[in-house]
Amino acid sequence: MTKPTAPRASYAEKPITPLMAEYIAWLKTETGYDVDPMSVQLSGVLRGTFQKSDGNQKRLAASAARKAQESKARAERKAAKPATKKAAK
């Protein structure tokens, strides 16, 4: 039985591009962190794919719904508080 191939495994087999190599060097210089070149390349190439993915879109929608509910609850609590008058000067 063969192990199933990850849907985007081919990206990990591609050589690091010259521009990405420059970016990797820049990251190391700017942060002092010894980044993994392939991880940087994969994240740069696949970030847009991730953002469009069903799983991420569902997460974003759930987060937006939660924030909307929290905002509504805050507005309802504020509306339920009795109005206070400022002291006249």
N, C-alpha and C. Protein backbone atom coordinates (compact mmCIF):
# COMPACT_ATOMS: atom_id res chain seq x y z
N MET A 1 0.84 -1.18 0.00
CA MET A 1 0.00 0.00 0.00
C MET A 1 0.89 1.24 0.00
N THR A 2 0.60 2.19 -0.88
CA THR A 2 1.42 3.40 -0.97
C THR A 2 0.79 4.53 -0.16
N LYS A 3 1.67 5.34 0.33
CA LYS A 3 1.23 6.50 1.11
C LYS A 3 0.65 7.54 0.14
N PRO A 4 -0.52 8.11 0.45
CA PRO A 4 -1.08 9.13 -0.44
C PRO A 4 -0.17 10.36 -0.50
N THR A 5 -0.09 10.94 -1.67
CA THR A 5 0.74 12.12 -1.87
C THR A 5 -0.02 13.36 -1.42
N ALA A 6 0.65 14.24 -0.72
CA ALA A 6 0.04 15.50 -0.31
C ALA A 6 -0.33 16.29 -1.57
N PRO A 7 -1.45 16.99 -1.54
CA PRO A 7 -1.92 17.68 -2.75
C PRO A 7 -0.94 18.66 -3.37
N ARG A 8 -0.10 19.25 -2.58
CA ARG A 8 0.84 20.24 -3.12
C ARG A 8 2.30 19.83 -2.88
N ALA A 9 2.55 18.55 -2.84
CA ALA A 9 3.90 18.02 -2.59
C ALA A 9 4.89 18.48 -3.65
N SER A 10 4.41 18.70 -4.86
CA SER A 10 5.33 19.09 -5.95
C SER A 10 6.01 20.42 -5.66
N TYR A 11 5.37 21.29 -4.88
CA TYR A 11 6.00 22.57 -4.55
C TYR A 11 7.27 22.38 -3.73
N ALA A 12 7.32 21.36 -2.91
CA ALA A 12 8.49 21.11 -2.06
C ALA A 12 9.64 20.52 -2.87
N GLU A 13 9.36 20.09 -4.08
CA GLU A 13 10.40 19.51 -4.93
C GLU A 13 11.06 20.54 -5.84
N LYS A 14 10.47 21.71 -5.93
CA LYS A 14 11.00 22.75 -6.82
C LYS A 14 12.21 23.43 -6.19
N PRO A 15 13.16 23.81 -7.02
CA PRO A 15 14.34 24.50 -6.47
C PRO A 15 13.96 25.91 -5.99
N ILE A 16 14.72 26.41 -5.05
CA ILE A 16 14.50 27.76 -4.54
C ILE A 16 14.91 28.75 -5.63
N THR A 17 14.02 29.68 -5.91
CA THR A 17 14.28 30.66 -6.97
C THR A 17 15.32 31.68 -6.51
N PRO A 18 15.99 32.33 -7.45
CA PRO A 18 16.97 33.35 -7.07
C PRO A 18 16.35 34.48 -6.23
N LEU A 19 15.15 34.92 -6.60
CA LEU A 19 14.50 35.98 -5.84
C LEU A 19 14.19 35.50 -4.42
N MET A 20 13.73 34.28 -4.28
CA MET A 20 13.42 33.75 -2.96
C MET A 20 14.71 33.60 -2.14
N ALA A 21 15.81 33.24 -2.79
CA ALA A 21 17.10 33.14 -2.08
C ALA A 21 17.50 34.50 -1.52
N GLU A 22 17.27 35.56 -2.30
CA GLU A 22 17.56 36.92 -1.83
C GLU A 22 16.66 37.27 -0.64
N TYR A 23 15.39 36.89 -0.72
CA TYR A 23 14.45 37.16 0.36
C TYR A 23 14.87 36.41 1.63
N ILE A 24 15.28 35.17 1.48
CA ILE A 24 15.72 34.36 2.62
C ILE A 24 16.93 35.01 3.29
N ALA A 25 17.88 35.46 2.48
CA ALA A 25 19.07 36.13 3.02
C ALA A 25 18.67 37.41 3.74
N TRP A 26 17.73 38.14 3.16
CA TRP A 26 17.25 39.38 3.77
C TRP A 26 16.58 39.09 5.12
N LEU A 27 15.75 38.06 5.16
CA LEU A 27 15.09 37.69 6.42
C LEU A 27 16.12 37.38 7.51
N LYS A 28 17.15 36.62 7.14
CA LYS A 28 18.19 36.27 8.11
C LYS A 28 18.91 37.51 8.61
N THR A 29 19.21 38.43 7.70
CA THR A 29 19.91 39.66 8.07
C THR A 29 19.04 40.54 8.95
N GLU A 30 17.79 40.70 8.57
CA GLU A 30 16.89 41.61 9.28
C GLU A 30 16.42 41.08 10.63
N THR A 31 16.30 39.77 10.77
CA THR A 31 15.75 39.20 12.01
C THR A 31 16.79 38.51 12.87
N GLY A 32 17.90 38.13 12.28
CA GLY A 32 18.90 37.37 13.01
C GLY A 32 18.50 35.91 13.21
N TYR A 33 17.39 35.52 12.63
CA TYR A 33 16.86 34.17 12.77
C TYR A 33 17.29 33.34 11.56
N ASP A 34 17.78 32.16 11.83
CA ASP A 34 18.22 31.27 10.75
C ASP A 34 17.01 30.52 10.19
N VAL A 35 16.34 31.15 9.24
CA VAL A 35 15.11 30.58 8.68
C VAL A 35 15.40 29.36 7.82
N ASP A 36 14.41 28.48 7.73
CA ASP A 36 14.51 27.31 6.87
C ASP A 36 14.13 27.75 5.45
N PRO A 37 15.06 27.68 4.50
CA PRO A 37 14.78 28.17 3.15
C PRO A 37 13.55 27.55 2.49
N MET A 38 13.36 26.25 2.59
CA MET A 38 12.21 25.63 1.94
C MET A 38 10.90 26.07 2.59
N SER A 39 10.90 26.23 3.90
CA SER A 39 9.69 26.70 4.58
C SER A 39 9.33 28.11 4.13
N VAL A 40 10.34 28.96 3.97
CA VAL A 40 10.09 30.32 3.50
C VAL A 40 9.52 30.28 2.08
N GLN A 41 10.12 29.48 1.22
CA GLN A 41 9.64 29.39 -0.16
C GLN A 41 8.21 28.87 -0.21
N LEU A 42 7.95 27.79 0.52
CA LEU A 42 6.60 27.22 0.51
C LEU A 42 5.57 28.21 1.05
N SER A 43 5.92 28.91 2.12
CA SER A 43 4.96 29.86 2.68
C SER A 43 4.72 31.01 1.72
N GLY A 44 5.74 31.45 1.03
CA GLY A 44 5.57 32.53 0.06
C GLY A 44 4.72 32.12 -1.13
N VAL A 45 4.94 30.92 -1.60
CA VAL A 45 4.23 30.43 -2.79
C VAL A 45 2.79 30.03 -2.48
N LEU A 46 2.56 29.47 -1.30
CA LEU A 46 1.25 28.88 -1.00
C LEU A 46 0.35 29.72 -0.10
N ARG A 47 0.79 30.90 0.31
CA ARG A 47 -0.02 31.71 1.21
C ARG A 47 -1.37 32.05 0.60
N GLY A 48 -1.39 32.47 -0.64
CA GLY A 48 -2.65 32.82 -1.30
C GLY A 48 -3.58 31.62 -1.42
N THR A 49 -3.01 30.46 -1.70
CA THR A 49 -3.80 29.24 -1.80
C THR A 49 -4.44 28.93 -0.45
N PHE A 50 -3.68 29.09 0.62
CA PHE A 50 -4.22 28.89 1.96
C PHE A 50 -5.35 29.87 2.25
N GLN A 51 -5.13 31.14 1.91
CA GLN A 51 -6.14 32.15 2.21
C GLN A 51 -7.47 31.86 1.50
N LYS A 52 -7.40 31.30 0.31
CA LYS A 52 -8.60 30.98 -0.46
C LYS A 52 -9.22 29.63 -0.08
N SER A 53 -8.51 28.84 0.71
CA SER A 53 -8.96 27.48 1.01
C SER A 53 -10.29 27.46 1.77
N ASP A 54 -11.05 26.41 1.55
CA ASP A 54 -12.34 26.27 2.22
C ASP A 54 -12.20 26.35 3.74
N GLY A 55 -11.23 25.66 4.28
CA GLY A 55 -11.04 25.65 5.72
C GLY A 55 -10.77 27.04 6.27
N ASN A 56 -9.92 27.81 5.60
CA ASN A 56 -9.63 29.16 6.07
C ASN A 56 -10.83 30.07 5.89
N GLN A 57 -11.54 29.93 4.79
CA GLN A 57 -12.73 30.75 4.57
C GLN A 57 -13.79 30.47 5.64
N LYS A 58 -13.95 29.21 6.03
CA LYS A 58 -14.89 28.87 7.09
C LYS A 58 -14.44 29.48 8.42
N ARG A 59 -13.14 29.43 8.68
CA ARG A 59 -12.61 30.00 9.92
C ARG A 59 -12.85 31.51 9.96
N LEU A 60 -12.61 32.17 8.83
CA LEU A 60 -12.83 33.62 8.76
C LEU A 60 -14.31 33.97 8.96
N ALA A 61 -15.18 33.19 8.34
CA ALA A 61 -16.62 33.44 8.48
C ALA A 61 -17.06 33.24 9.92
N ALA A 62 -16.57 32.19 10.56
CA ALA A 62 -16.92 31.93 11.96
C ALA A 62 -16.41 33.05 12.86
N SER A 63 -15.21 33.52 12.60
CA SER A 63 -14.64 34.60 13.38
C SER A 63 -15.45 35.88 13.20
N ALA A 64 -15.85 36.18 11.98
CA ALA A 64 -16.66 37.38 11.71
C ALA A 64 -18.01 37.27 12.39
N ALA A 65 -18.62 36.10 12.36
CA ALA A 65 -19.92 35.90 13.00
C ALA A 65 -19.80 36.07 14.51
N ARG A 66 -18.72 35.54 15.09
CA ARG A 66 -18.50 35.66 16.53
C ARG A 66 -18.30 37.13 16.91
N LYS A 67 -17.52 37.86 16.13
CA LYS A 67 -17.29 39.28 16.42
C LYS A 67 -18.57 40.08 16.28
N ALA A 68 -19.39 39.76 15.29
CA ALA A 68 -20.67 40.45 15.11
C ALA A 68 -21.59 40.19 16.29
N GLN A 69 -21.62 38.95 16.77
CA GLN A 69 -22.45 38.60 17.93
C GLN A 69 -21.96 39.33 19.18
N GLU A 70 -20.64 39.39 19.36
CA GLU A 70 -20.08 40.11 20.52
C GLU A 70 -20.41 41.59 20.45
N SER A 71 -20.33 42.16 19.26
CA SER A 71 -20.65 43.57 19.08
C SER A 71 -22.13 43.84 19.37
N LYS A 72 -22.98 42.96 18.91
CA LYS A 72 -24.42 43.09 19.16
C LYS A 72 -24.70 42.99 20.65
N ALA A 73 -24.06 42.05 21.32
CA ALA A 73 -24.26 41.87 22.76
C ALA A 73 -23.80 43.11 23.53
N ARG A 74 -22.67 43.70 23.13
CA ARG A 74 -22.18 44.92 23.79
C ARG A 74 -23.18 46.06 23.60
N ALA A 75 -23.70 46.20 22.38
CA ALA A 75 -24.66 47.26 22.10
C ALA A 75 -25.93 47.06 22.92
N GLU A 76 -26.38 45.82 23.06
CA GLU A 76 -27.57 45.54 23.86
C GLU A 76 -27.35 45.84 25.33
N ARG A 77 -26.16 45.50 25.85
CA ARG A 77 -25.85 45.81 27.25
C ARG A 77 -25.80 47.31 27.47
N LYS A 78 -25.21 48.03 26.53
CA LYS A 78 -25.11 49.48 26.64
C LYS A 78 -26.50 50.11 26.60
N ALA A 79 -27.36 49.62 25.72
CA ALA A 79 -28.71 50.16 25.59
C ALA A 79 -29.55 49.87 26.84
N ALA A 80 -29.24 48.79 27.52
CA ALA A 80 -30.02 48.39 28.70
C ALA A 80 -29.63 49.20 29.94
N LYS A 81 -28.46 49.83 29.93
CA LYS A 81 -28.04 50.63 31.09
C LYS A 81 -28.85 51.92 31.13
N PRO A 82 -29.21 52.35 32.32
CA PRO A 82 -29.95 53.61 32.42
C PRO A 82 -29.02 54.78 32.04
N ALA A 83 -29.59 55.73 31.37
CA ALA A 83 -28.82 56.91 30.96
C ALA A 83 -28.51 57.74 32.19
N THR A 84 -27.31 58.26 32.27
CA THR A 84 -26.93 59.11 33.38
C THR A 84 -26.75 60.52 32.84
N LYS A 85 -27.19 61.48 33.61
CA LYS A 85 -27.04 62.89 33.21
C LYS A 85 -25.75 63.42 33.77
N LYS A 86 -25.10 64.22 32.97
CA LYS A 86 -23.87 64.87 33.44
C LYS A 86 -24.28 65.98 34.40
N ALA A 87 -23.48 66.15 35.41
CA ALA A 87 -23.75 67.21 36.39
C ALA A 87 -23.61 68.57 35.72
N ALA A 88 -24.56 69.44 36.01
CA ALA A 88 -24.53 70.80 35.44
C ALA A 88 -23.45 71.60 36.15
N LYS A 89 -22.78 72.40 35.39
CA LYS A 89 -21.69 73.20 35.98
C LYS A 89 -22.15 74.59 36.25
